[in-house]
């Protein structure tokens, strides 16, 4: 059984940022679509829909995506620090991998082969 004793803070922050970037992009696109269709569906309160709206929609998508990524990076760093503190006190996560000894022997055997 393997134990995760600590998590590299920067590595965790990068992964959180990458996942948050993708989720932020999806959320931003959905929010912009809802806003555009909401304006189009309001016939009694007509708003100008044109090039300016398109520009603001693109800016909103970019800004929201970047904000999500920044928040994800900060959250990932905080999570890693808290995990490392908790793992130091209570012990790390214990993970049981399927037949790790066979995998290690197999990978070690690959290095001993000579290719001609």
C-alpha atoms as a PDB file:
ATOM      1  CA  UNK A   1       0.000   0.000   0.000  1.00  0.00           C
ATOM      2  CA  UNK A   2       1.411   3.380  -1.015  1.00  0.00           C
ATOM      3  CA  UNK A   3       1.022   6.572   0.978  1.00  0.00           C
ATOM      4  CA  UNK A   4       0.912  10.126  -0.343  1.00  0.00           C
ATOM      5  CA  UNK A   5       2.892  11.976   2.303  1.00  0.00           C
ATOM      6  CA  UNK A   6       2.985  15.361   0.615  1.00  0.00           C
ATOM      7  CA  UNK A   7       1.850  17.150  -2.519  1.00  0.00           C
ATOM      8  CA  UNK A   8       4.020  19.614  -4.396  1.00  0.00           C
ATOM      9  CA  UNK A   9       2.217  22.942  -3.930  1.00  0.00           C
ATOM     10  CA  UNK A  10       3.090  24.382  -7.349  1.00  0.00           C
ATOM     11  CA  UNK A  11       2.163  21.147  -9.133  1.00  0.00           C
ATOM     12  CA  UNK A  12      -1.222  20.999  -7.418  1.00  0.00           C
ATOM     13  CA  UNK A  13      -1.847  24.688  -8.140  1.00  0.00           C
ATOM     14  CA  UNK A  14      -1.070  24.175 -11.858  1.00  0.00           C
ATOM     15  CA  UNK A  15      -3.484  21.254 -12.142  1.00  0.00           C
ATOM     16  CA  UNK A  16      -6.242  23.159 -10.334  1.00  0.00           C
ATOM     17  CA  UNK A  17      -5.619  26.165 -12.613  1.00  0.00           C
ATOM     18  CA  UNK A  18      -5.824  24.037 -15.765  1.00  0.00           C
ATOM     19  CA  UNK A  19      -9.065  22.358 -14.696  1.00  0.00           C
ATOM     20  CA  UNK A  20     -10.525  25.692 -13.581  1.00  0.00           C
ATOM     21  CA  UNK A  21      -9.528  27.286 -16.886  1.00  0.00           C
ATOM     22  CA  UNK A  22     -11.555  24.727 -18.836  1.00  0.00           C
ATOM     23  CA  UNK A  23     -14.521  24.929 -16.466  1.00  0.00           C
ATOM     24  CA  UNK A  24     -14.313  28.728 -16.460  1.00  0.00           C
ATOM     25  CA  UNK A  25     -14.400  28.842 -20.246  1.00  0.00           C
ATOM     26  CA  UNK A  26     -17.480  26.614 -20.329  1.00  0.00           C
ATOM     27  CA  UNK A  27     -19.214  28.667 -17.621  1.00  0.00           C
ATOM     28  CA  UNK A  28     -18.329  31.945 -19.362  1.00  0.00           C
ATOM     29  CA  UNK A  29     -19.669  30.786 -22.721  1.00  0.00           C
ATOM     30  CA  UNK A  30     -22.906  29.626 -21.091  1.00  0.00           C
ATOM     31  CA  UNK A  31     -23.259  32.907 -19.170  1.00  0.00           C
ATOM     32  CA  UNK A  32     -22.736  34.955 -22.328  1.00  0.00           C
ATOM     33  CA  UNK A  33     -25.248  32.839 -24.247  1.00  0.00           C
ATOM     34  CA  UNK A  34     -27.828  33.290 -21.494  1.00  0.00           C
ATOM     35  CA  UNK A  35     -27.201  37.048 -21.496  1.00  0.00           C
ATOM     36  CA  UNK A  36     -27.473  37.339 -25.286  1.00  0.00           C
ATOM     37  CA  UNK A  37     -30.638  35.247 -25.499  1.00  0.00           C
ATOM     38  CA  UNK A  38     -32.071  37.097 -22.517  1.00  0.00           C
ATOM     39  CA  UNK A  39     -31.636  40.415 -24.332  1.00  0.00           C
ATOM     40  CA  UNK A  40     -33.070  38.978 -27.542  1.00  0.00           C
ATOM     41  CA  UNK A  41     -36.071  37.530 -25.707  1.00  0.00           C
ATOM     42  CA  UNK A  42     -37.093  40.870 -24.177  1.00  0.00           C
ATOM     43  CA  UNK A  43     -39.235  42.481 -26.903  1.00  0.00           C
ATOM     44  CA  UNK A  44     -40.741  45.100 -24.584  1.00  0.00           C
ATOM     45  CA  UNK A  45     -37.352  46.391 -23.471  1.00  0.00           C
ATOM     46  CA  UNK A  46     -35.294  46.555 -26.627  1.00  0.00           C
ATOM     47  CA  UNK A  47     -31.574  46.919 -26.163  1.00  0.00           C
ATOM     48  CA  UNK A  48     -29.109  47.578 -28.937  1.00  0.00           C
ATOM     49  CA  UNK A  49     -27.576  44.291 -29.981  1.00  0.00           C
ATOM     50  CA  UNK A  50     -24.694  44.678 -32.365  1.00  0.00           C
ATOM     51  CA  UNK A  51     -20.947  44.841 -32.619  1.00  0.00           C
ATOM     52  CA  UNK A  52     -20.486  46.305 -29.139  1.00  0.00           C
ATOM     53  CA  UNK A  53     -22.405  43.406 -27.619  1.00  0.00           C
ATOM     54  CA  UNK A  54     -20.208  40.928 -29.471  1.00  0.00           C
ATOM     55  CA  UNK A  55     -17.043  42.668 -28.273  1.00  0.00           C
ATOM     56  CA  UNK A  56     -18.258  42.682 -24.666  1.00  0.00           C
ATOM     57  CA  UNK A  57     -19.233  39.018 -24.960  1.00  0.00           C
ATOM     58  CA  UNK A  58     -15.725  38.095 -26.107  1.00  0.00           C
ATOM     59  CA  UNK A  59     -14.146  40.226 -23.372  1.00  0.00           C
ATOM     60  CA  UNK A  60     -16.432  38.619 -20.774  1.00  0.00           C
ATOM     61  CA  UNK A  61     -15.460  35.132 -21.915  1.00  0.00           C
ATOM     62  CA  UNK A  62     -11.745  35.956 -21.754  1.00  0.00           C
ATOM     63  CA  UNK A  63     -11.934  37.728 -18.387  1.00  0.00           C
ATOM     64  CA  UNK A  64     -14.089  35.057 -16.736  1.00  0.00           C
ATOM     65  CA  UNK A  65     -11.833  32.276 -18.031  1.00  0.00           C
ATOM     66  CA  UNK A  66      -8.698  33.970 -16.681  1.00  0.00           C
ATOM     67  CA  UNK A  67     -10.367  34.770 -13.345  1.00  0.00           C
ATOM     68  CA  UNK A  68     -11.442  31.132 -12.962  1.00  0.00           C
ATOM     69  CA  UNK A  69      -7.864  29.987 -13.703  1.00  0.00           C
ATOM     70  CA  UNK A  70      -6.378  32.410 -11.154  1.00  0.00           C
ATOM     71  CA  UNK A  71      -8.863  31.353  -8.492  1.00  0.00           C
ATOM     72  CA  UNK A  72      -8.138  27.702  -9.341  1.00  0.00           C
ATOM     73  CA  UNK A  73      -4.385  28.267  -8.977  1.00  0.00           C
ATOM     74  CA  UNK A  74      -4.809  29.911  -5.567  1.00  0.00           C
ATOM     75  CA  UNK A  75      -7.257  27.222  -4.443  1.00  0.00           C
ATOM     76  CA  UNK A  76      -4.897  24.443  -5.564  1.00  0.00           C
ATOM     77  CA  UNK A  77      -2.022  25.960  -3.619  1.00  0.00           C
ATOM     78  CA  UNK A  78      -4.158  26.315  -0.485  1.00  0.00           C
ATOM     79  CA  UNK A  79      -5.454  22.741  -0.800  1.00  0.00           C
ATOM     80  CA  UNK A  80      -1.898  21.371  -1.162  1.00  0.00           C
ATOM     81  CA  UNK A  81      -0.641  23.312   1.866  1.00  0.00           C
ATOM     82  CA  UNK A  82      -3.573  22.150   4.009  1.00  0.00           C
ATOM     83  CA  UNK A  83      -3.128  18.557   2.802  1.00  0.00           C
ATOM     84  CA  UNK A  84       0.587  18.631   3.623  1.00  0.00           C
ATOM     85  CA  UNK A  85      -0.132  19.950   7.126  1.00  0.00           C
ATOM     86  CA  UNK A  86      -2.850  17.348   7.726  1.00  0.00           C
ATOM     87  CA  UNK A  87      -0.717  14.523   6.297  1.00  0.00           C
ATOM     88  CA  UNK A  88       2.106  15.526   8.630  1.00  0.00           C
ATOM     89  CA  UNK A  89      -0.214  15.237  11.623  1.00  0.00           C
ATOM     90  CA  UNK A  90      -2.503  12.336  10.686  1.00  0.00           C
ATOM     91  CA  UNK A  91      -0.556  10.552   7.966  1.00  0.00           C
ATOM     92  CA  UNK A  92      -1.116  10.711   4.233  1.00  0.00           C
ATOM     93  CA  UNK A  93      -3.673   9.067   2.006  1.00  0.00           C
ATOM     94  CA  UNK A  94      -3.100   5.355   1.665  1.00  0.00           C
ATOM     95  CA  UNK A  95      -3.668   4.034  -1.827  1.00  0.00           C
ATOM     96  CA  UNK A  96      -3.679   0.381  -2.816  1.00  0.00           C
ATOM     97  CA  UNK A  97      -2.451  -0.157  -6.361  1.00  0.00           C
ATOM     98  CA  UNK A  98      -3.066  -3.389  -8.223  1.00  0.00           C
ATOM     99  CA  UNK A  99       0.094  -5.539  -8.324  1.00  0.00           C
ATOM    100  CA  UNK A 100       2.688  -2.772  -8.124  1.00  0.00           C
ATOM    101  CA  UNK A 101       5.582  -5.188  -7.631  1.00  0.00           C
ATOM    102  CA  UNK A 102       4.968  -6.791 -11.017  1.00  0.00           C
ATOM    103  CA  UNK A 103       4.830  -3.363 -12.665  1.00  0.00           C
ATOM    104  CA  UNK A 104       8.123  -2.319 -11.066  1.00  0.00           C
ATOM    105  CA  UNK A 105       9.848  -5.548 -12.116  1.00  0.00           C
ATOM    106  CA  UNK A 106       8.470  -5.189 -15.636  1.00  0.00           C
ATOM    107  CA  UNK A 107       9.695  -1.597 -15.976  1.00  0.00           C
ATOM    108  CA  UNK A 108      13.121  -2.513 -14.555  1.00  0.00           C
ATOM    109  CA  UNK A 109      13.372  -5.343 -17.061  1.00  0.00           C
ATOM    110  CA  UNK A 110      12.796  -2.909 -19.934  1.00  0.00           C
ATOM    111  CA  UNK A 111      15.982  -1.021 -19.044  1.00  0.00           C
ATOM    112  CA  UNK A 112      18.122  -4.168 -19.127  1.00  0.00           C
ATOM    113  CA  UNK A 113      17.265  -5.039 -22.718  1.00  0.00           C
ATOM    114  CA  UNK A 114      19.720  -4.197 -25.433  1.00  0.00           C
ATOM    115  CA  UNK A 115      18.295  -3.200 -28.779  1.00  0.00           C
ATOM    116  CA  UNK A 116      20.423  -3.918 -31.821  1.00  0.00           C
END
